[in-house]
Amino acid sequence: IRSTFQYLEQLDVVSGLVKAAVFGFIITLMGCYHGYNSRGGAQGVGQATTNAVVSSSILILISNYVVTELFFTR
């Protein structure tokens, strides 16, 4: 436990909390957008779910890079 506190910095915790909030926002936004605009019954909902997962994953990868650059570029 001592080594954890020795190497853990406040910036690591803050960046983790910011990333969690950003990722949650992206997942919520993409799920709502694709779900609200789904058409075609059950098959359309399945396709909208797939689209939401794919778009969320891509946006999370991009936002992870951006947030990491903002916090850790010195």
PDB file of N, CA and C in Angstrom:
ATOM      1  N   ILE A   1       0.834  -1.194   0.000  1.00  0.00           N
ATOM      2  CA  ILE A   1       0.000   0.000   0.000  1.00  0.00           C
ATOM      3  C   ILE A   1       0.870   1.246   0.000  1.00  0.00           C
ATOM      4  N   ARG A   2       1.988   1.194   0.669  1.00  0.00           N
ATOM      5  CA  ARG A   2       2.870   2.364   0.687  1.00  0.00           C
ATOM      6  C   ARG A   2       3.351   2.717  -0.712  1.00  0.00           C
ATOM      7  N   SER A   3       3.698   1.696  -1.482  1.00  0.00           N
ATOM      8  CA  SER A   3       4.186   1.984  -2.832  1.00  0.00           C
ATOM      9  C   SER A   3       3.080   2.556  -3.708  1.00  0.00           C
ATOM     10  N   THR A   4       1.836   2.181  -3.446  1.00  0.00           N
ATOM     11  CA  THR A   4       0.720   2.754  -4.209  1.00  0.00           C
ATOM     12  C   THR A   4       0.632   4.247  -3.965  1.00  0.00           C
ATOM     13  N   PHE A   5       0.660   4.649  -2.728  1.00  0.00           N
ATOM     14  CA  PHE A   5       0.584   6.070  -2.409  1.00  0.00           C
ATOM     15  C   PHE A   5       1.846   6.818  -2.831  1.00  0.00           C
ATOM     16  N   GLN A   6       2.947   6.112  -2.897  1.00  0.00           N
ATOM     17  CA  GLN A   6       4.198   6.736  -3.307  1.00  0.00           C
ATOM     18  C   GLN A   6       4.156   7.124  -4.785  1.00  0.00           C
ATOM     19  N   TYR A   7       3.556   6.290  -5.617  1.00  0.00           N
ATOM     20  CA  TYR A   7       3.567   6.536  -7.060  1.00  0.00           C
ATOM     21  C   TYR A   7       2.268   7.123  -7.598  1.00  0.00           C
ATOM     22  N   LEU A   8       1.215   7.129  -6.817  1.00  0.00           N
ATOM     23  CA  LEU A   8      -0.067   7.662  -7.258  1.00  0.00           C
ATOM     24  C   LEU A   8      -0.062   9.178  -7.124  1.00  0.00           C
ATOM     25  N   GLU A   9      -0.379   9.846  -8.225  1.00  0.00           N
ATOM     26  CA  GLU A   9      -0.413  11.305  -8.216  1.00  0.00           C
ATOM     27  C   GLU A   9      -1.848  11.787  -8.351  1.00  0.00           C
ATOM     28  N   GLN A  10      -2.076  12.990  -7.886  1.00  0.00           N
ATOM     29  CA  GLN A  10      -3.414  13.564  -7.949  1.00  0.00           C
ATOM     30  C   GLN A  10      -3.889  13.694  -9.396  1.00  0.00           C
ATOM     31  N   LEU A  11      -2.997  14.013 -10.296  1.00  0.00           N
ATOM     32  CA  LEU A  11      -3.350  14.156 -11.708  1.00  0.00           C
ATOM     33  C   LEU A  11      -3.880  12.848 -12.292  1.00  0.00           C
ATOM     34  N   ASP A  12      -3.349  11.713 -11.853  1.00  0.00           N
ATOM     35  CA  ASP A  12      -3.832  10.415 -12.324  1.00  0.00           C
ATOM     36  C   ASP A  12      -5.286  10.190 -11.918  1.00  0.00           C
ATOM     37  N   VAL A  13      -5.608  10.525 -10.684  1.00  0.00           N
ATOM     38  CA  VAL A  13      -6.972  10.341 -10.186  1.00  0.00           C
ATOM     39  C   VAL A  13      -7.932  11.289 -10.894  1.00  0.00           C
ATOM     40  N   VAL A  14      -7.543  12.542 -11.026  1.00  0.00           N
ATOM     41  CA  VAL A  14      -8.408  13.533 -11.677  1.00  0.00           C
ATOM     42  C   VAL A  14      -8.636  13.170 -13.135  1.00  0.00           C
ATOM     43  N   SER A  15      -7.591  12.774 -13.832  1.00  0.00           N
ATOM     44  CA  SER A  15      -7.763  12.410 -15.243  1.00  0.00           C
ATOM     45  C   SER A  15      -8.649  11.180 -15.381  1.00  0.00           C
ATOM     46  N   GLY A  16      -8.547  10.243 -14.470  1.00  0.00           N
ATOM     47  CA  GLY A  16      -9.418   9.066 -14.494  1.00  0.00           C
ATOM     48  C   GLY A  16     -10.872   9.424 -14.285  1.00  0.00           C
ATOM     49  N   LEU A  17     -11.137  10.350 -13.372  1.00  0.00           N
ATOM     50  CA  LEU A  17     -12.513  10.787 -13.133  1.00  0.00           C
ATOM     51  C   LEU A  17     -13.068  11.560 -14.322  1.00  0.00           C
ATOM     52  N   VAL A  18     -12.243  12.400 -14.927  1.00  0.00           N
ATOM     53  CA  VAL A  18     -12.683  13.153 -16.111  1.00  0.00           C
ATOM     54  C   VAL A  18     -12.967  12.198 -17.262  1.00  0.00           C
ATOM     55  N   LYS A  19     -12.088  11.231 -17.465  1.00  0.00           N
ATOM     56  CA  LYS A  19     -12.303  10.262 -18.538  1.00  0.00           C
ATOM     57  C   LYS A  19     -13.588   9.475 -18.317  1.00  0.00           C
ATOM     58  N   ALA A  20     -13.851   9.071 -17.092  1.00  0.00           N
ATOM     59  CA  ALA A  20     -15.079   8.325 -16.808  1.00  0.00           C
ATOM     60  C   ALA A  20     -16.312   9.155 -17.139  1.00  0.00           C
ATOM     61  N   ALA A  21     -16.286  10.433 -16.797  1.00  0.00           N
ATOM     62  CA  ALA A  21     -17.421  11.307 -17.100  1.00  0.00           C
ATOM     63  C   ALA A  21     -17.584  11.502 -18.605  1.00  0.00           C
ATOM     64  N   VAL A  22     -16.484  11.711 -19.307  1.00  0.00           N
ATOM     65  CA  VAL A  22     -16.539  11.898 -20.763  1.00  0.00           C
ATOM     66  C   VAL A  22     -17.031  10.622 -21.443  1.00  0.00           C
ATOM     67  N   PHE A  23     -16.511   9.479 -21.038  1.00  0.00           N
ATOM     68  CA  PHE A  23     -16.930   8.213 -21.647  1.00  0.00           C
ATOM     69  C   PHE A  23     -18.408   7.943 -21.370  1.00  0.00           C
ATOM     70  N   GLY A  24     -18.852   8.213 -20.165  1.00  0.00           N
ATOM     71  CA  GLY A  24     -20.268   8.033 -19.834  1.00  0.00           C
ATOM     72  C   GLY A  24     -21.162   8.928 -20.661  1.00  0.00           C
ATOM     73  N   PHE A  25     -20.735  10.165 -20.865  1.00  0.00           N
ATOM     74  CA  PHE A  25     -21.500  11.098 -21.695  1.00  0.00           C
ATOM     75  C   PHE A  25     -21.584  10.594 -23.131  1.00  0.00           C
ATOM     76  N   ILE A  26     -20.476  10.117 -23.666  1.00  0.00           N
ATOM     77  CA  ILE A  26     -20.453   9.610 -25.043  1.00  0.00           C
ATOM     78  C   ILE A  26     -21.376   8.403 -25.189  1.00  0.00           C
ATOM     79  N   ILE A  27     -21.294   7.458 -24.274  1.00  0.00           N
ATOM     80  CA  ILE A  27     -22.128   6.260 -24.349  1.00  0.00           C
ATOM     81  C   ILE A  27     -23.604   6.627 -24.265  1.00  0.00           C
ATOM     82  N   THR A  28     -23.941   7.525 -23.347  1.00  0.00           N
ATOM     83  CA  THR A  28     -25.330   7.953 -23.203  1.00  0.00           C
ATOM     84  C   THR A  28     -25.820   8.671 -24.441  1.00  0.00           C
ATOM     85  N   LEU A  29     -25.018   9.589 -24.949  1.00  0.00           N
ATOM     86  CA  LEU A  29     -25.412  10.365 -26.121  1.00  0.00           C
ATOM     87  C   LEU A  29     -25.610   9.476 -27.344  1.00  0.00           C
ATOM     88  N   MET A  30     -24.682   8.565 -27.588  1.00  0.00           N
ATOM     89  CA  MET A  30     -24.794   7.687 -28.760  1.00  0.00           C
ATOM     90  C   MET A  30     -25.956   6.710 -28.616  1.00  0.00           C
ATOM     91  N   GLY A  31     -26.167   6.185 -27.426  1.00  0.00           N
ATOM     92  CA  GLY A  31     -27.297   5.281 -27.204  1.00  0.00           C
ATOM     93  C   GLY A  31     -28.626   5.971 -27.430  1.00  0.00           C
ATOM     94  N   CYS A  32     -28.761   7.179 -26.895  1.00  0.00           N
ATOM     95  CA  CYS A  32     -30.005   7.936 -27.085  1.00  0.00           C
ATOM     96  C   CYS A  32     -30.201   8.334 -28.540  1.00  0.00           C
ATOM     97  N   TYR A  33     -29.153   8.793 -29.179  1.00  0.00           N
ATOM     98  CA  TYR A  33     -29.265   9.237 -30.572  1.00  0.00           C
ATOM     99  C   TYR A  33     -29.681   8.086 -31.487  1.00  0.00           C
ATOM    100  N   HIS A  34     -28.952   6.992 -31.416  1.00  0.00           N
ATOM    101  CA  HIS A  34     -29.253   5.871 -32.305  1.00  0.00           C
ATOM    102  C   HIS A  34     -30.570   5.194 -31.931  1.00  0.00           C
ATOM    103  N   GLY A  35     -30.874   5.131 -30.661  1.00  0.00           N
ATOM    104  CA  GLY A  35     -32.143   4.529 -30.249  1.00  0.00           C
ATOM    105  C   GLY A  35     -33.340   5.365 -30.658  1.00  0.00           C
ATOM    106  N   TYR A  36     -33.231   6.662 -30.504  1.00  0.00           N
ATOM    107  CA  TYR A  36     -34.339   7.554 -30.863  1.00  0.00           C
ATOM    108  C   TYR A  36     -34.590   7.549 -32.366  1.00  0.00           C
ATOM    109  N   ASN A  37     -33.558   7.416 -33.158  1.00  0.00           N
ATOM    110  CA  ASN A  37     -33.685   7.460 -34.613  1.00  0.00           C
ATOM    111  C   ASN A  37     -33.810   6.078 -35.251  1.00  0.00           C
ATOM    112  N   SER A  38     -34.066   5.046 -34.459  1.00  0.00           N
ATOM    113  CA  SER A  38     -34.193   3.704 -35.040  1.00  0.00           C
ATOM    114  C   SER A  38     -35.536   3.558 -35.741  1.00  0.00           C
ATOM    115  N   ARG A  39     -35.531   2.787 -36.808  1.00  0.00           N
ATOM    116  CA  ARG A  39     -36.733   2.522 -37.597  1.00  0.00           C
ATOM    117  C   ARG A  39     -36.748   1.036 -37.938  1.00  0.00           C
ATOM    118  N   GLY A  40     -37.911   0.495 -38.185  1.00  0.00           N
ATOM    119  CA  GLY A  40     -38.008  -0.869 -38.690  1.00  0.00           C
ATOM    120  C   GLY A  40     -38.251  -1.932 -37.640  1.00  0.00           C
ATOM    121  N   GLY A  41     -38.848  -1.575 -36.531  1.00  0.00           N
ATOM    122  CA  GLY A  41     -39.208  -2.578 -35.526  1.00  0.00           C
ATOM    123  C   GLY A  41     -38.013  -3.162 -34.806  1.00  0.00           C
ATOM    124  N   ALA A  42     -38.137  -4.438 -34.451  1.00  0.00           N
ATOM    125  CA  ALA A  42     -37.104  -5.107 -33.660  1.00  0.00           C
ATOM    126  C   ALA A  42     -35.778  -5.183 -34.411  1.00  0.00           C
ATOM    127  N   GLN A  43     -35.851  -5.404 -35.703  1.00  0.00           N
ATOM    128  CA  GLN A  43     -34.615  -5.465 -36.493  1.00  0.00           C
ATOM    129  C   GLN A  43     -33.924  -4.102 -36.511  1.00  0.00           C
ATOM    130  N   GLY A  44     -34.698  -3.030 -36.609  1.00  0.00           N
ATOM    131  CA  GLY A  44     -34.134  -1.685 -36.587  1.00  0.00           C
ATOM    132  C   GLY A  44     -33.509  -1.345 -35.248  1.00  0.00           C
ATOM    133  N   VAL A  45     -34.135  -1.824 -34.173  1.00  0.00           N
ATOM    134  CA  VAL A  45     -33.571  -1.588 -32.840  1.00  0.00           C
ATOM    135  C   VAL A  45     -32.240  -2.324 -32.694  1.00  0.00           C
ATOM    136  N   GLY A  46     -32.172  -3.538 -33.200  1.00  0.00           N
ATOM    137  CA  GLY A  46     -30.913  -4.287 -33.160  1.00  0.00           C
ATOM    138  C   GLY A  46     -29.810  -3.593 -33.942  1.00  0.00           C
ATOM    139  N   GLN A  47     -30.166  -3.081 -35.116  1.00  0.00           N
ATOM    140  CA  GLN A  47     -29.185  -2.358 -35.931  1.00  0.00           C
ATOM    141  C   GLN A  47     -28.761  -1.063 -35.242  1.00  0.00           C
ATOM    142  N   ALA A  48     -29.722  -0.369 -34.623  1.00  0.00           N
ATOM    143  CA  ALA A  48     -29.404   0.874 -33.909  1.00  0.00           C
ATOM    144  C   ALA A  48     -28.478   0.599 -32.729  1.00  0.00           C
ATOM    145  N   THR A  49     -28.694  -0.521 -32.049  1.00  0.00           N
ATOM    146  CA  THR A  49     -27.828  -0.893 -30.931  1.00  0.00           C
ATOM    147  C   THR A  49     -26.401  -1.140 -31.409  1.00  0.00           C
ATOM    148  N   THR A  50     -26.274  -1.864 -32.505  1.00  0.00           N
ATOM    149  CA  THR A  50     -24.949  -2.114 -33.072  1.00  0.00           C
ATOM    150  C   THR A  50     -24.275  -0.813 -33.476  1.00  0.00           C
ATOM    151  N   ASN A  51     -25.019   0.068 -34.123  1.00  0.00           N
ATOM    152  CA  ASN A  51     -24.462   1.360 -34.529  1.00  0.00           C
ATOM    153  C   ASN A  51     -24.045   2.190 -33.323  1.00  0.00           C
ATOM    154  N   ALA A  52     -24.833   2.144 -32.256  1.00  0.00           N
ATOM    155  CA  ALA A  52     -24.499   2.900 -31.049  1.00  0.00           C
ATOM    156  C   ALA A  52     -23.208   2.385 -30.419  1.00  0.00           C
ATOM    157  N   VAL A  53     -23.049   1.070 -30.377  1.00  0.00           N
ATOM    158  CA  VAL A  53     -21.840   0.485 -29.789  1.00  0.00           C
ATOM    159  C   VAL A  53     -20.608   0.836 -30.620  1.00  0.00           C
ATOM    160  N   VAL A  54     -20.730   0.729 -31.936  1.00  0.00           N
ATOM    161  CA  VAL A  54     -19.593   1.020 -32.811  1.00  0.00           C
ATOM    162  C   VAL A  54     -19.206   2.494 -32.727  1.00  0.00           C
ATOM    163  N   SER A  55     -20.188   3.380 -32.827  1.00  0.00           N
ATOM    164  CA  SER A  55     -19.873   4.815 -32.780  1.00  0.00           C
ATOM    165  C   SER A  55     -19.346   5.220 -31.408  1.00  0.00           C
ATOM    166  N   SER A  56     -19.894   4.638 -30.343  1.00  0.00           N
ATOM    167  CA  SER A  56     -19.385   4.930 -28.999  1.00  0.00           C
ATOM    168  C   SER A  56     -17.941   4.481 -28.856  1.00  0.00           C
ATOM    169  N   SER A  57     -17.634   3.300 -29.353  1.00  0.00           N
ATOM    170  CA  SER A  57     -16.269   2.777 -29.242  1.00  0.00           C
ATOM    171  C   SER A  57     -15.266   3.662 -29.967  1.00  0.00           C
ATOM    172  N   ILE A  58     -15.624   4.090 -31.160  1.00  0.00           N
ATOM    173  CA  ILE A  58     -14.726   4.953 -31.933  1.00  0.00           C
ATOM    174  C   ILE A  58     -14.542   6.299 -31.242  1.00  0.00           C
ATOM    175  N   LEU A  59     -15.642   6.887 -30.780  1.00  0.00           N
ATOM    176  CA  LEU A  59     -15.545   8.183 -30.102  1.00  0.00           C
ATOM    177  C   LEU A  59     -14.794   8.081 -28.782  1.00  0.00           C
ATOM    178  N   ILE A  60     -14.911   6.967 -28.084  1.00  0.00           N
ATOM    179  CA  ILE A  60     -14.173   6.779 -26.834  1.00  0.00           C
ATOM    180  C   ILE A  60     -12.674   6.683 -27.109  1.00  0.00           C
ATOM    181  N   LEU A  61     -12.293   5.975 -28.154  1.00  0.00           N
ATOM    182  CA  LEU A  61     -10.869   5.911 -28.509  1.00  0.00           C
ATOM    183  C   LEU A  61     -10.316   7.296 -28.820  1.00  0.00           C
ATOM    184  N   ILE A  62     -11.063   8.071 -29.582  1.00  0.00           N
ATOM    185  CA  ILE A  62     -10.621   9.424 -29.939  1.00  0.00           C
ATOM    186  C   ILE A  62     -10.567  10.320 -28.708  1.00  0.00           C
ATOM    187  N   SER A  63     -11.619  10.277 -27.890  1.00  0.00           N
ATOM    188  CA  SER A  63     -11.651  11.146 -26.711  1.00  0.00           C
ATOM    189  C   SER A  63     -10.603  10.734 -25.685  1.00  0.00           C
ATOM    190  N   ASN A  64     -10.299   9.449 -25.591  1.00  0.00           N
ATOM    191  CA  ASN A  64      -9.241   8.999 -24.690  1.00  0.00           C
ATOM    192  C   ASN A  64      -7.907   9.616 -25.088  1.00  0.00           C
ATOM    193  N   TYR A  65      -7.621   9.633 -26.371  1.00  0.00           N
ATOM    194  CA  TYR A  65      -6.389  10.253 -26.854  1.00  0.00           C
ATOM    195  C   TYR A  65      -6.374  11.747 -26.529  1.00  0.00           C
ATOM    196  N   VAL A  66      -7.481  12.437 -26.808  1.00  0.00           N
ATOM    197  CA  VAL A  66      -7.547  13.886 -26.594  1.00  0.00           C
ATOM    198  C   VAL A  66      -7.399  14.228 -25.116  1.00  0.00           C
ATOM    199  N   VAL A  67      -8.134  13.538 -24.254  1.00  0.00           N
ATOM    200  CA  VAL A  67      -8.067  13.836 -22.818  1.00  0.00           C
ATOM    201  C   VAL A  67      -6.678  13.518 -22.274  1.00  0.00           C
ATOM    202  N   THR A  68      -6.086  12.434 -22.727  1.00  0.00           N
ATOM    203  CA  THR A  68      -4.731  12.095 -22.281  1.00  0.00           C
ATOM    204  C   THR A  68      -3.735  13.161 -22.710  1.00  0.00           C
ATOM    205  N   GLU A  69      -3.856  13.633 -23.933  1.00  0.00           N
ATOM    206  CA  GLU A  69      -2.974  14.705 -24.402  1.00  0.00           C
ATOM    207  C   GLU A  69      -3.168  15.975 -23.575  1.00  0.00           C
ATOM    208  N   LEU A  70      -4.404  16.307 -23.250  1.00  0.00           N
ATOM    209  CA  LEU A  70      -4.667  17.521 -22.468  1.00  0.00           C
ATOM    210  C   LEU A  70      -4.077  17.434 -21.066  1.00  0.00           C
ATOM    211  N   PHE A  71      -4.154  16.266 -20.448  1.00  0.00           N
ATOM    212  CA  PHE A  71      -3.697  16.132 -19.071  1.00  0.00           C
ATOM    213  C   PHE A  71      -2.200  15.869 -18.950  1.00  0.00           C
ATOM    214  N   PHE A  72      -1.628  15.130 -19.874  1.00  0.00           N
ATOM    215  CA  PHE A  72      -0.272  14.643 -19.666  1.00  0.00           C
ATOM    216  C   PHE A  72       0.762  15.209 -20.620  1.00  0.00           C
ATOM    217  N   THR A  73       0.416  16.168 -21.451  1.00  0.00           N
ATOM    218  CA  THR A  73       1.409  16.822 -22.286  1.00  0.00           C
ATOM    219  C   THR A  73       2.058  17.929 -21.469  1.00  0.00           C
ATOM    220  N   ARG A  74       3.343  17.834 -21.321  1.00  0.00           N
ATOM    221  CA  ARG A  74       4.037  18.828 -20.481  1.00  0.00           C
ATOM    222  C   ARG A  74       4.962  19.651 -21.310  1.00  0.00           C
TER     223      ARG A  74
END
